[in-house]
Amino acid sequence: MFLGYWIGRFANEESRAHVHVVKFGSRDEMKIWLEPDVEVEFTRGISRSVANKIVAEIRRRRNECLDKWKECVRGNR
């Protein structure tokens, strides 16, 4: 959790590493690619200032996010 948002991966999705950012109970969400660089795919319902904080945190923790992504992929084989 970061700023009240869940950040994670949904199973059985595309192979390019990314995270979803979701505020449960609302329609607020983002999708952020982790490779080749951190890049926002889309944002819905999240203010620009909050989205910028989330992206900065993902950039700061990119290696951790990629490690978690790889763990999930290995676990789903």
C-alpha atoms as a PDB file:
ATOM      1  CA  MET A   1       0.000   0.000   0.000  1.00  0.00           C
ATOM      2  CA  PHE A   2       1.145   3.509  -0.808  1.00  0.00           C
ATOM      3  CA  LEU A   3      -0.983   6.603  -0.163  1.00  0.00           C
ATOM      4  CA  GLY A   4      -3.975   4.286   0.263  1.00  0.00           C
ATOM      5  CA  TYR A   5      -3.448   2.535  -3.089  1.00  0.00           C
ATOM      6  CA  TRP A   6      -2.725  -1.146  -3.638  1.00  0.00           C
ATOM      7  CA  ILE A   7       0.164  -1.718  -6.008  1.00  0.00           C
ATOM      8  CA  GLY A   8       0.512  -5.145  -7.548  1.00  0.00           C
ATOM      9  CA  ARG A   9       0.081  -7.535 -10.408  1.00  0.00           C
ATOM     10  CA  PHE A  10      -2.952  -9.402 -11.636  1.00  0.00           C
ATOM     11  CA  ALA A  11      -2.374 -13.046 -12.635  1.00  0.00           C
ATOM     12  CA  ASN A  12      -2.279 -14.291 -16.217  1.00  0.00           C
ATOM     13  CA  GLU A  13      -1.664 -10.995 -17.921  1.00  0.00           C
ATOM     14  CA  GLU A  14       0.668  -9.811 -20.622  1.00  0.00           C
ATOM     15  CA  SER A  15       4.344 -10.647 -20.385  1.00  0.00           C
ATOM     16  CA  ARG A  16       5.743  -7.083 -20.237  1.00  0.00           C
ATOM     17  CA  ALA A  17       6.452  -6.214 -16.606  1.00  0.00           C
ATOM     18  CA  HIS A  18       4.034  -3.703 -15.119  1.00  0.00           C
ATOM     19  CA  VAL A  19       2.067  -2.903 -11.988  1.00  0.00           C
ATOM     20  CA  HIS A  20      -1.498  -1.879 -11.403  1.00  0.00           C
ATOM     21  CA  VAL A  21      -2.335   0.809  -8.867  1.00  0.00           C
ATOM     22  CA  VAL A  22      -5.859   0.521  -7.471  1.00  0.00           C
ATOM     23  CA  LYS A  23      -7.895   2.177  -4.754  1.00  0.00           C
ATOM     24  CA  PHE A  24     -10.366  -0.519  -3.774  1.00  0.00           C
ATOM     25  CA  GLY A  25     -13.946   0.637  -3.489  1.00  0.00           C
ATOM     26  CA  SER A  26     -13.411   3.262  -6.180  1.00  0.00           C
ATOM     27  CA  ARG A  27     -12.643   3.420  -9.878  1.00  0.00           C
ATOM     28  CA  ASP A  28      -9.264   5.085  -9.288  1.00  0.00           C
ATOM     29  CA  GLU A  29      -6.500   3.176 -11.052  1.00  0.00           C
ATOM     30  CA  MET A  30      -3.236   3.377 -12.942  1.00  0.00           C
ATOM     31  CA  LYS A  31      -1.145   0.981 -14.976  1.00  0.00           C
ATOM     32  CA  ILE A  32       2.598   1.549 -14.961  1.00  0.00           C
ATOM     33  CA  TRP A  33       5.122  -0.267 -17.150  1.00  0.00           C
ATOM     34  CA  LEU A  34       8.336  -1.286 -15.399  1.00  0.00           C
ATOM     35  CA  GLU A  35      10.357  -2.022 -18.525  1.00  0.00           C
ATOM     36  CA  PRO A  36      12.189  -0.919 -20.448  1.00  0.00           C
ATOM     37  CA  ASP A  37      11.620   2.180 -18.298  1.00  0.00           C
ATOM     38  CA  VAL A  38       8.968   3.230 -15.790  1.00  0.00           C
ATOM     39  CA  GLU A  39       6.165   4.673 -17.915  1.00  0.00           C
ATOM     40  CA  VAL A  40       2.487   5.345 -17.215  1.00  0.00           C
ATOM     41  CA  GLU A  41       0.149   3.431 -19.534  1.00  0.00           C
ATOM     42  CA  PHE A  42      -3.021   5.065 -18.170  1.00  0.00           C
ATOM     43  CA  THR A  43      -4.475   6.880 -15.174  1.00  0.00           C
ATOM     44  CA  ARG A  44      -8.144   7.062 -14.190  1.00  0.00           C
ATOM     45  CA  GLY A  45      -9.507   9.091 -11.310  1.00  0.00           C
ATOM     46  CA  ILE A  46      -6.143   9.838  -9.702  1.00  0.00           C
ATOM     47  CA  SER A  47      -5.033  13.450  -9.437  1.00  0.00           C
ATOM     48  CA  ARG A  48      -1.860  14.473 -11.229  1.00  0.00           C
ATOM     49  CA  SER A  49      -0.081  15.270  -7.957  1.00  0.00           C
ATOM     50  CA  VAL A  50      -0.898  11.864  -6.436  1.00  0.00           C
ATOM     51  CA  ALA A  51      -0.036  10.077  -9.694  1.00  0.00           C
ATOM     52  CA  ASN A  52       3.342  11.839  -9.740  1.00  0.00           C
ATOM     53  CA  LYS A  53       4.042  10.666  -6.165  1.00  0.00           C
ATOM     54  CA  ILE A  54       3.095   7.104  -7.083  1.00  0.00           C
ATOM     55  CA  VAL A  55       5.311   7.121 -10.175  1.00  0.00           C
ATOM     56  CA  ALA A  56       8.214   8.535  -8.159  1.00  0.00           C
ATOM     57  CA  GLU A  57       7.790   5.727  -5.608  1.00  0.00           C
ATOM     58  CA  ILE A  58       7.637   3.087  -8.356  1.00  0.00           C
ATOM     59  CA  ARG A  59      10.810   4.537  -9.897  1.00  0.00           C
ATOM     60  CA  ARG A  60      12.516   4.465  -6.512  1.00  0.00           C
ATOM     61  CA  ARG A  61      11.462   0.840  -5.959  1.00  0.00           C
ATOM     62  CA  ARG A  62      11.637  -0.360  -9.574  1.00  0.00           C
ATOM     63  CA  ASN A  63      14.106  -3.197  -8.881  1.00  0.00           C
ATOM     64  CA  GLU A  64      11.939  -4.459  -6.021  1.00  0.00           C
ATOM     65  CA  CYS A  65       8.850  -4.332  -8.267  1.00  0.00           C
ATOM     66  CA  LEU A  66      10.679  -6.242 -11.025  1.00  0.00           C
ATOM     67  CA  ASP A  67      11.828  -8.882  -8.535  1.00  0.00           C
ATOM     68  CA  LYS A  68       8.230  -9.341  -7.340  1.00  0.00           C
ATOM     69  CA  TRP A  69       7.055  -9.520 -10.963  1.00  0.00           C
ATOM     70  CA  LYS A  70       9.564 -12.306 -11.703  1.00  0.00           C
ATOM     71  CA  GLU A  71       8.517 -14.206  -8.559  1.00  0.00           C
ATOM     72  CA  CYS A  72       4.880 -14.094  -9.677  1.00  0.00           C
ATOM     73  CA  VAL A  73       5.729 -15.219 -13.193  1.00  0.00           C
ATOM     74  CA  ARG A  74       7.746 -18.185 -11.860  1.00  0.00           C
ATOM     75  CA  GLY A  75       4.891 -19.080  -9.507  1.00  0.00           C
ATOM     76  CA  ASN A  76       2.317 -19.094 -12.321  1.00  0.00           C
ATOM     77  CA  ARG A  77       4.124 -21.585 -14.539  1.00  0.00           C
END
